[in-house]
Protein backbone atom coordinates (compact mmCIF):
# COMPACT_ATOMS: atom_id res chain seq x y z
CA MET A 1 43.51 -3.00 -40.96
CA THR A 2 45.14 -1.12 -43.88
CA GLU A 3 47.60 1.61 -42.93
CA TRP A 4 47.27 4.61 -45.20
CA ASN A 5 50.42 6.43 -46.56
CA ASP A 6 49.85 9.90 -48.03
CA ASN A 7 53.39 10.03 -49.62
CA ARG A 8 53.38 9.04 -53.25
CA GLU A 9 55.79 6.35 -54.32
CA GLN A 10 58.85 7.55 -56.25
CA GLU A 11 58.45 6.13 -59.76
CA ASN A 12 61.46 5.15 -61.94
CA MET A 13 61.84 7.83 -64.70
CA GLU A 14 64.55 8.40 -67.36
CA ALA A 15 64.86 10.53 -70.56
CA GLY A 16 63.84 8.99 -73.85
CA PRO A 17 65.39 9.63 -77.27
CA ASP A 18 63.25 12.73 -77.87
CA GLY A 19 64.31 14.29 -74.65
CA ARG A 20 61.05 13.48 -72.88
CA GLU A 21 61.10 11.59 -69.76
CA GLU A 22 59.97 8.08 -70.37
CA GLU A 23 58.43 5.90 -67.76
CA GLN A 24 60.23 2.67 -67.36
CA THR A 25 58.17 -0.38 -66.87
CA PRO A 26 59.31 -1.99 -63.67
CA GLU A 27 59.76 -5.67 -63.48
CA LEU A 28 56.66 -7.18 -61.95
CA GLU A 29 56.92 -9.95 -59.47
CA GLU A 30 54.38 -12.66 -59.33
CA GLN A 31 52.41 -12.80 -56.06
CA GLU A 32 51.63 -15.93 -54.11
CA ASP A 33 48.10 -16.02 -55.52
CA GLY A 34 49.36 -16.00 -59.09
CA ARG A 35 48.59 -12.29 -59.68
CA THR A 36 51.22 -9.73 -60.54
CA GLU A 37 51.86 -6.84 -58.17
CA ARG A 38 50.12 -4.47 -60.58
CA GLU A 39 47.05 -6.66 -60.61
CA SER A 40 47.04 -6.55 -56.84
CA LEU A 41 46.81 -2.73 -56.75
CA ARG A 42 43.57 -0.78 -57.07
CA TYR A 43 43.25 3.02 -57.30
CA VAL A 44 41.06 4.61 -54.70
CA TYR A 45 41.52 8.12 -56.12
CA PRO A 46 44.28 9.61 -58.25
CA GLY A 47 47.56 9.33 -56.47
CA LYS A 48 46.19 6.96 -53.77
CA LYS A 49 46.39 3.21 -53.93
CA GLU A 50 44.94 0.69 -51.53
CA PRO A 51 46.57 -2.66 -51.41
CA VAL A 52 44.05 -5.46 -51.33
CA GLY A 53 45.14 -8.72 -49.86
CA ARG A 54 43.77 -12.18 -50.35
CA PHE A 55 40.80 -11.64 -47.99
CA GLY A 56 39.73 -8.17 -49.22
CA SER A 57 41.11 -6.04 -46.40
CA ARG A 58 39.09 -2.93 -47.34
CA ARG A 59 35.81 -4.77 -47.11
CA TRP A 60 36.71 -6.26 -43.74
CA GLY A 61 38.04 -2.95 -42.53
CA THR A 62 34.72 -1.27 -43.37
CA ARG A 63 32.80 -3.96 -41.52
CA LEU A 64 35.01 -3.57 -38.48
CA LYS A 65 34.46 0.18 -38.49
CA MET A 66 30.70 -0.34 -38.70
CA ALA A 67 30.81 -2.79 -35.81
CA VAL A 68 32.78 -0.34 -33.68
CA LEU A 69 30.36 2.45 -34.62
CA LEU A 70 27.33 0.34 -33.67
CA LEU A 71 28.97 -0.59 -30.37
CA LEU A 72 29.63 3.07 -29.58
CA VAL A 73 26.02 3.98 -30.41
CA ALA A 74 24.72 1.18 -28.16
CA VAL A 75 26.95 2.24 -25.25
CA ALA A 76 25.98 5.88 -25.73
CA GLY A 77 22.28 4.96 -25.73
CA PHE A 78 22.70 2.93 -22.55
CA VAL A 79 24.51 5.77 -20.80
CA VAL A 80 22.04 8.43 -21.95
CA GLY A 81 19.09 6.28 -20.87
CA HIS A 82 20.49 5.81 -17.39
CA VAL A 83 21.38 9.48 -17.10
CA ILE A 84 17.77 10.36 -17.96
CA LEU A 85 16.53 7.92 -15.31
CA LEU A 86 18.99 9.34 -12.81
CA PHE A 87 18.11 12.97 -13.38
CA ALA A 88 14.33 12.71 -13.54
CA SER A 89 11.55 10.26 -12.77
CA GLY A 90 8.02 10.07 -14.07
CA ASN A 91 6.63 12.04 -11.13
CA GLY A 92 8.96 14.98 -11.64
CA VAL A 93 11.50 14.17 -8.92
CA ASN A 94 15.08 15.03 -9.90
CA ASN A 95 16.80 11.88 -8.67
CA PHE A 96 20.30 13.18 -9.31
CA LYS A 97 19.61 16.27 -7.23
CA VAL A 98 18.12 14.14 -4.44
CA MET A 99 21.09 11.77 -4.40
CA THR A 100 23.53 14.66 -4.35
CA LYS A 101 21.75 16.39 -1.47
CA LEU A 102 21.42 13.16 0.52
CA THR A 103 25.16 12.63 0.14
CA MET A 104 25.79 16.11 1.52
CA LEU A 105 23.38 15.59 4.41
CA GLU A 106 25.03 12.29 5.25
CA ALA A 107 28.42 13.99 5.30
CA TYR A 108 27.14 16.72 7.66
CA VAL A 109 25.59 14.14 9.99
CA ASP A 110 28.76 12.03 10.01
CA HIS A 111 30.95 14.99 10.87
CA PHE A 112 28.77 17.14 13.14
CA PHE A 113 25.84 15.20 14.66
CA LEU A 114 26.49 14.71 18.35
CA ASP A 115 24.81 11.35 18.98
CA GLU A 116 25.00 7.92 17.39
CA THR A 117 22.80 7.33 14.36
CA ASP A 118 20.63 4.37 13.38
CA GLY A 119 21.13 3.73 9.67
CA SER A 120 18.02 1.59 9.29
CA ARG A 121 15.84 4.22 10.96
CA LEU A 122 17.27 6.98 8.76
CA GLU A 123 16.61 4.91 5.66
CA ASP A 124 13.03 4.14 6.76
CA TYR A 125 12.30 7.83 7.23
CA ILE A 126 13.61 8.64 3.74
CA TYR A 127 10.87 6.37 2.36
CA LYS A 128 8.29 7.56 4.89
CA GLY A 129 9.04 11.16 3.93
CA TYR A 130 8.69 10.41 0.23
CA ILE A 131 5.24 8.86 0.73
CA ALA A 132 4.24 11.68 3.09
CA GLY A 133 5.01 14.05 0.23
CA LEU A 134 2.04 12.61 -1.68
CA ASP A 135 -0.21 14.60 0.67
CA ASP A 136 -2.43 11.53 0.91
CA PRO A 137 -3.69 11.20 4.50
CA TYR A 138 -4.21 7.46 4.00
CA ALA A 139 -0.82 6.72 2.43
CA ALA A 140 1.97 5.12 4.47
CA TYR A 141 5.29 3.32 4.16
CA TYR A 142 5.75 0.23 6.34
CA ASN A 143 9.15 -1.28 7.03
CA GLU A 144 9.37 -5.06 7.21
CA GLU A 145 8.47 -5.26 10.89
CA GLU A 146 5.59 -2.78 10.60
CA TYR A 147 4.16 -4.57 7.57
CA ALA A 148 4.28 -7.95 9.31
CA GLN A 149 2.47 -6.43 12.30
CA LEU A 150 -0.17 -4.89 10.01
CA MET A 151 -0.83 -8.21 8.29
CA GLU A 152 -1.11 -9.92 11.66
CA GLU A 153 -3.67 -7.39 12.86
CA ASP A 154 -5.71 -7.68 9.66
CA SER A 155 -5.79 -11.45 10.04
CA GLY A 156 -7.64 -11.07 13.35
CA GLU A 157 -5.34 -13.47 15.20
CA TYR A 158 -2.07 -12.73 16.96
CA VAL A 159 0.04 -13.59 19.99
CA GLY A 160 -0.44 -10.86 22.58
CA ILE A 161 -2.12 -9.80 25.80
CA GLY A 162 -5.56 -8.83 24.45
CA VAL A 163 -5.81 -5.06 24.65
CA THR A 164 -6.60 -2.22 22.27
CA VAL A 165 -4.38 0.81 22.84
CA ARG A 166 -3.82 4.34 21.56
CA GLN A 167 -1.28 7.09 22.19
CA ASP A 168 -2.19 10.20 24.16
CA PRO A 169 -1.28 13.13 21.86
CA ASP A 170 -0.48 15.38 24.81
CA THR A 171 1.70 13.15 27.02
CA GLY A 172 2.86 10.58 24.47
CA TYR A 173 2.05 7.71 26.81
CA VAL A 174 0.03 4.69 25.68
CA LEU A 175 -3.55 4.35 26.93
CA VAL A 176 -5.65 1.19 27.18
CA GLU A 177 -8.90 1.64 25.26
CA GLN A 178 -10.36 -1.84 25.50
CA VAL A 179 -9.54 -5.09 27.29
CA ASN A 180 -10.68 -8.42 25.81
CA LYS A 181 -12.72 -10.31 28.38
CA GLY A 182 -11.03 -13.56 29.34
CA GLY A 183 -7.74 -12.50 27.76
CA PRO A 184 -4.35 -12.40 29.53
CA ALA A 185 -4.51 -8.65 30.28
CA TYR A 186 -8.06 -8.99 31.66
CA ASN A 187 -6.97 -11.87 33.89
CA ALA A 188 -3.95 -9.87 35.12
CA GLY A 189 -6.15 -6.93 36.17
CA VAL A 190 -5.55 -4.45 33.33
CA GLN A 191 -8.51 -2.10 32.88
CA ALA A 192 -9.75 0.31 30.24
CA ASP A 193 -8.34 3.85 30.66
CA ASP A 194 -5.18 2.53 32.35
CA ILE A 195 -2.04 4.41 31.29
CA ILE A 196 0.85 2.13 30.31
CA MET A 197 3.86 4.10 31.48
CA ALA A 198 6.46 1.45 30.68
CA VAL A 199 6.87 -1.99 29.12
CA ASP A 200 9.62 -4.10 30.68
CA GLY A 201 11.05 -0.89 32.09
CA GLU A 202 11.07 1.04 28.80
CA ASP A 203 9.19 4.34 28.76
CA THR A 204 6.25 4.20 26.31
CA ALA A 205 6.33 7.95 25.62
CA GLU A 206 9.87 7.53 24.28
CA LEU A 207 9.03 4.30 22.44
CA GLY A 208 5.94 5.62 20.69
CA LEU A 209 2.81 3.61 19.90
CA GLN A 210 4.18 1.22 17.28
CA ASP A 211 7.35 0.35 19.18
CA THR A 212 5.35 -0.13 22.39
CA VAL A 213 3.01 -2.59 20.68
CA ALA A 214 5.97 -4.36 19.07
CA LEU A 215 7.69 -4.71 22.46
CA ILE A 216 4.55 -6.12 24.09
CA LYS A 217 4.23 -8.72 21.32
CA LYS A 218 7.97 -9.30 20.91
CA ASN A 219 7.92 -12.95 22.02
CA GLU A 220 5.76 -15.36 23.97
CA LYS A 221 7.33 -14.55 27.35
CA PRO A 222 5.30 -12.66 30.00
CA VAL A 223 5.60 -8.88 29.87
CA VAL A 224 5.76 -6.45 32.81
CA LEU A 225 3.52 -3.38 32.42
CA THR A 226 3.98 -0.32 34.60
CA ILE A 227 0.43 1.00 34.95
CA LEU A 228 -0.83 4.37 36.17
CA ARG A 229 -4.49 4.22 37.27
CA GLY A 230 -5.63 7.56 38.60
CA SER A 231 -2.91 8.47 41.09
CA GLU A 232 -1.94 4.86 41.79
CA SER A 233 1.05 3.25 40.09
CA MET A 234 1.47 -0.52 39.84
CA GLU A 235 3.36 -3.22 38.01
CA LEU A 236 1.41 -6.07 36.43
CA THR A 237 2.99 -9.18 34.94
CA VAL A 238 0.90 -10.28 31.96
CA ASP A 239 1.12 -13.62 30.15
CA LYS A 240 0.62 -13.91 26.41
CA SER A 241 -1.59 -16.19 24.38
CA GLN A 242 -3.13 -16.58 20.95
CA ILE A 243 -5.67 -13.77 20.68
CA VAL A 244 -8.65 -13.93 18.35
CA MET A 245 -10.00 -10.43 17.82
CA GLU A 246 -13.74 -10.19 18.40
CA THR A 247 -15.02 -7.67 15.88
CA VAL A 248 -18.64 -8.89 15.97
CA THR A 249 -20.93 -9.12 18.99
CA TRP A 250 -24.61 -10.08 18.95
CA GLU A 251 -27.66 -10.73 21.08
CA MET A 252 -31.39 -11.20 20.72
CA LYS A 253 -33.33 -8.08 21.67
CA GLU A 254 -37.04 -7.56 22.34
CA ASN A 255 -39.69 -8.79 19.90
CA HIS A 256 -37.29 -11.30 18.33
CA THR A 257 -35.13 -8.49 16.99
CA GLY A 258 -31.57 -9.56 16.41
CA TYR A 259 -28.78 -7.08 17.16
CA ILE A 260 -25.31 -7.35 15.59
CA ALA A 261 -22.56 -4.79 16.29
CA VAL A 262 -19.51 -4.74 13.97
CA SER A 263 -16.47 -2.79 15.20
CA GLN A 264 -14.26 -3.17 12.11
CA PHE A 265 -13.76 -5.24 8.96
CA ILE A 266 -10.82 -7.67 9.14
CA ASP A 267 -10.22 -11.19 7.83
CA ASN A 268 -12.28 -13.01 10.44
CA THR A 269 -15.14 -10.46 10.61
CA SER A 270 -17.29 -12.08 7.92
CA GLU A 271 -16.92 -15.47 9.61
CA GLN A 272 -18.04 -14.02 12.94
CA PHE A 273 -20.89 -12.17 11.20
CA ASN A 274 -22.17 -15.38 9.62
CA GLU A 275 -21.94 -17.07 13.01
CA ALA A 276 -24.07 -14.30 14.49
CA LEU A 277 -26.68 -14.59 11.74
CA THR A 278 -26.87 -18.37 12.18
CA SER A 279 -27.20 -18.12 15.94
CA LEU A 280 -29.91 -15.43 15.83
CA THR A 281 -31.82 -17.24 13.10
CA GLU A 282 -31.89 -20.41 15.21
CA GLU A 283 -33.30 -18.32 18.09
CA GLY A 284 -36.19 -17.19 15.92
CA MET A 285 -35.02 -13.77 14.68
CA THR A 286 -37.72 -11.92 12.72
CA SER A 287 -35.96 -8.56 12.21
CA LEU A 288 -32.37 -7.31 12.44
CA ILE A 289 -30.41 -4.26 13.59
CA ILE A 290 -26.84 -3.93 12.30
CA ASP A 291 -24.77 -1.41 14.29
CA LEU A 292 -21.88 0.16 12.35
CA ARG A 293 -21.47 3.19 14.59
CA ASP A 294 -17.81 4.10 15.21
CA ASN A 295 -16.75 1.48 12.65
CA GLY A 296 -13.92 3.08 10.68
CA GLY A 297 -13.86 0.41 7.97
CA GLY A 298 -11.22 -2.13 7.02
CA LEU A 299 -10.90 -4.82 4.40
CA LEU A 300 -13.10 -4.64 1.30
CA THR A 301 -13.14 -8.44 1.01
CA ALA A 302 -14.73 -8.86 4.44
CA CYS A 303 -17.31 -6.19 3.64
CA LEU A 304 -18.26 -7.85 0.33
CA ASP A 305 -18.78 -11.21 2.03
CA MET A 306 -21.12 -9.65 4.58
CA VAL A 307 -23.12 -7.56 2.11
CA SER A 308 -23.59 -10.67 -0.06
CA ARG A 309 -25.80 -12.10 2.72
CA PHE A 310 -28.43 -9.46 1.84
CA VAL A 311 -27.95 -8.79 -1.89
CA PRO A 312 -29.08 -11.36 -4.50
CA ASP A 313 -26.39 -13.24 -6.41
CA GLU A 314 -24.47 -11.32 -9.12
CA LYS A 315 -26.06 -7.95 -8.28
CA LEU A 316 -23.65 -5.02 -8.08
CA ILE A 317 -22.44 -4.13 -4.57
CA VAL A 318 -19.88 -1.42 -5.38
CA TYR A 319 -17.60 -0.36 -8.22
CA THR A 320 -14.31 1.54 -8.38
CA GLU A 321 -12.61 3.79 -10.92
CA ASP A 322 -8.87 4.47 -11.03
CA LYS A 323 -6.94 7.49 -12.35
CA LYS A 324 -7.27 6.22 -15.94
CA GLY A 325 -11.00 5.69 -15.68
CA ASN A 326 -10.76 1.91 -15.52
CA ARG A 327 -13.86 0.51 -13.81
CA THR A 328 -13.88 -2.58 -11.61
CA GLU A 329 -17.18 -4.03 -10.42
CA TYR A 330 -17.74 -6.12 -7.30
CA ASN A 331 -20.88 -8.24 -7.35
CA SER A 332 -22.67 -10.40 -4.80
CA ASP A 333 -21.83 -14.10 -4.70
CA SER A 334 -24.65 -14.93 -2.32
CA VAL A 335 -25.88 -18.49 -1.83
CA ASP A 336 -28.23 -17.71 1.07
CA VAL A 337 -29.87 -14.26 1.15
CA ILE A 338 -31.33 -12.99 4.45
CA ASP A 339 -34.83 -11.67 3.78
CA LEU A 340 -35.86 -9.76 6.92
CA PRO A 341 -36.64 -6.13 7.85
CA VAL A 342 -33.24 -4.52 8.53
CA VAL A 343 -32.19 -1.25 10.19
CA LEU A 344 -28.60 -0.05 9.89
CA LEU A 345 -27.21 2.27 12.58
CA VAL A 346 -24.47 4.74 11.57
CA ASN A 347 -22.83 7.89 12.90
CA GLU A 348 -20.17 10.39 11.84
CA ASN A 349 -17.42 7.84 12.58
CA SER A 350 -18.85 5.17 10.26
CA ALA A 351 -16.42 5.20 7.35
CA SER A 352 -14.98 3.40 4.35
CA ALA A 353 -16.15 -0.25 4.29
CA SER A 354 -18.99 0.71 6.64
CA GLU A 355 -20.16 3.22 4.04
CA ILE A 356 -19.89 0.65 1.25
CA MET A 357 -22.27 -1.61 3.18
CA THR A 358 -24.53 1.30 4.09
CA GLY A 359 -24.63 2.73 0.56
CA CYS A 360 -25.42 -0.60 -1.05
CA LEU A 361 -28.22 -1.58 1.34
CA LYS A 362 -29.70 1.92 1.10
CA ASP A 363 -29.60 2.06 -2.71
CA TYR A 364 -31.44 -1.26 -3.00
CA GLY A 365 -33.91 -0.40 -0.23
CA ILE A 366 -32.82 -3.47 1.75
CA ALA A 367 -32.21 -1.54 4.98
CA THR A 368 -33.47 1.64 6.63
CA ILE A 369 -30.52 3.83 7.63
CA VAL A 370 -30.80 5.49 11.06
CA GLY A 371 -28.41 7.86 12.86
CA GLU A 372 -26.13 10.62 11.59
CA THR A 373 -24.46 11.42 8.28
CA THR A 374 -21.46 9.13 7.83
CA TYR A 375 -17.80 10.15 7.66
CA GLY A 376 -17.50 10.41 3.88
CA LYS A 377 -14.55 8.28 2.79
CA GLY A 378 -15.24 7.26 -0.80
CA ILE A 379 -11.73 6.26 -1.81
CA VAL A 380 -9.83 2.97 -1.81
CA GLN A 381 -6.28 2.23 -0.68
CA ASN A 382 -4.12 -0.66 -1.82
CA ILE A 383 -1.21 -2.13 0.12
CA MET A 384 1.62 -3.09 -2.24
CA PRO A 385 4.45 -5.28 -0.91
CA LEU A 386 8.04 -4.51 -1.86
CA PRO A 387 10.76 -7.14 -2.50
CA ASP A 388 12.57 -6.52 0.81
CA GLY A 389 9.49 -7.31 2.94
CA SER A 390 8.38 -3.71 3.35
CA ALA A 391 5.22 -2.28 1.80
CA VAL A 392 3.55 0.93 0.73
CA LYS A 393 -0.11 1.93 1.01
CA MET A 394 -1.69 4.64 -1.10
CA THR A 395 -5.03 5.75 -2.51
CA VAL A 396 -5.61 4.14 -5.91
CA SER A 397 -9.27 4.66 -6.81
CA LYS A 398 -12.67 6.09 -5.94
CA TYR A 399 -15.62 3.86 -5.15
CA TYR A 400 -19.26 4.31 -6.10
CA THR A 401 -22.48 2.87 -4.68
CA PRO A 402 -24.72 0.85 -7.04
CA ASN A 403 -26.63 4.03 -7.98
CA GLY A 404 -23.37 5.73 -9.01
CA SER A 405 -22.86 7.95 -5.96
CA ASN A 406 -19.37 8.83 -4.78
CA ILE A 407 -19.73 9.85 -1.15
CA HIS A 408 -16.16 11.09 -0.58
CA GLU A 409 -16.14 14.12 1.76
CA VAL A 410 -19.95 14.06 1.60
CA GLY A 411 -21.03 10.97 3.48
CA ILE A 412 -24.33 9.12 3.42
CA THR A 413 -27.40 10.87 4.80
CA PRO A 414 -29.57 8.53 6.90
CA ASP A 415 -33.18 7.83 5.99
CA VAL A 416 -34.01 8.81 9.57
CA THR A 417 -31.67 11.30 11.27
CA VAL A 418 -31.22 10.94 15.02
CA GLU A 419 -28.37 12.99 16.48
CA MET A 420 -26.55 12.15 19.70
CA SER A 421 -24.01 14.35 21.48
CA ASP A 422 -20.73 12.93 22.78
CA GLU A 423 -22.16 13.02 26.29
CA GLU A 424 -25.30 11.16 25.23
CA TRP A 425 -23.22 8.59 23.36
CA ALA A 426 -20.99 8.00 26.39
CA ALA A 427 -24.03 7.59 28.64
CA ALA A 428 -25.57 5.10 26.20
CA GLN A 429 -22.51 2.83 26.49
CA ASP A 430 -23.39 2.19 30.12
CA ASP A 431 -27.17 2.28 29.76
CA PRO A 432 -28.68 1.09 26.43
CA ALA A 433 -32.01 2.64 27.44
CA LYS A 434 -30.38 6.06 26.80
CA ASP A 435 -29.44 5.09 23.23
CA THR A 436 -31.96 7.17 21.26
CA GLN A 437 -30.71 5.90 17.89
CA LEU A 438 -31.18 2.28 18.94
CA HIS A 439 -34.62 3.14 20.31
CA GLU A 440 -35.60 4.65 16.93
CA ALA A 441 -34.48 1.43 15.21
CA TYR A 442 -36.84 -0.58 17.46
CA GLN A 443 -39.72 1.75 16.61
CA ILE A 444 -39.13 1.46 12.86
CA LEU A 445 -38.95 -2.33 12.95
CA ALA A 446 -42.06 -2.55 15.15
CA GLY A 447 -43.95 -0.41 12.63
CA GLN A 448 -42.77 -2.57 9.72
CA LYS A 449 -43.94 -5.72 11.51
CA GLN A 450 -47.42 -4.23 12.00
CA GLN A 451 -47.85 -3.41 8.30
């Protein structure tokens, strides 16, 4: 690169005959390239000369400057871009502020918190808190273990003891809601309404529901449950086995009326539903009652398979619209449509996929809806896996029945309303003769047969 010198060269001057100073012509040396020194000089501006070598140093110097300038611009753009990403995200969160505050919180915890900390748990709750901030009651963050458990439950098959449990909101202990007949827990003497106080000696109120379930299913070894039944405490050792969740039960009722109860929609539900239809058809079924009461929903895919048994091929079952107005349609792919009088039983706890089935069969007049106005969940959640094995679930769209109705926070009004109190519903579980909604379904089907 050329080095500039602002000091002018001292030229050789001497006085001529007339007293004027006369410039003496210096002796010029020939350069290596055959040019004289004068020929190798070029004026940039008066008083400044830039020597130009064989390879045109000014031209190469300019190019080098441009290259450096472009490099600086590229680096600056990269830095600015990452600073923008650091300071703000598309949803308005100031990431730089969050990172700074988390660093301060971590320092406080490290220096002042009395007990030991679990880094993985703290990290999980950062993500859980972020998703909770969406104010979406159906959104959730699942760590790797929780997501694996969720997928196992949705599949309908798992290694366990065969019970359905929930957590008592007052005591924190885990309660047995249902025991699968013939399963390991049933064979060991576990009963519905038992309180599981401990699992292998660990208090379930301290563990919480998810950790209690995870501990029960931890491996294939037998598990020891500390049970409280009334005022009696006992320890039961329970083996584990491959459990197939029974979400569909069926039987033939009076007047060749088939009855199918569906408790939820998971992967194996449609298979069990088809098995029920086949069995009842072989027994001579001439009408059908589908019971979706207390069915909180589940997988859309299972619901679509089941509804396709009643809706002709390629007819619309349901459609969704996302935040950008994009519409996705789900049509029947039926190969064998059931053509019988159908009554669908619903109540205020029939939600989500149950309402998709109800709304579709009602819109097309395929089934008569009996019971109480449904829950009113007309939105769809997607579960999106993350690279580390965790996942996030959030609401992504609204769904609409074939007639274009969105039933969110409204529900579906039955064709025939029959209300039952909690006490009446509980009594009907032990004595079907007290089930007034089921009785109304029989009456409707009997009338349709007479017409």
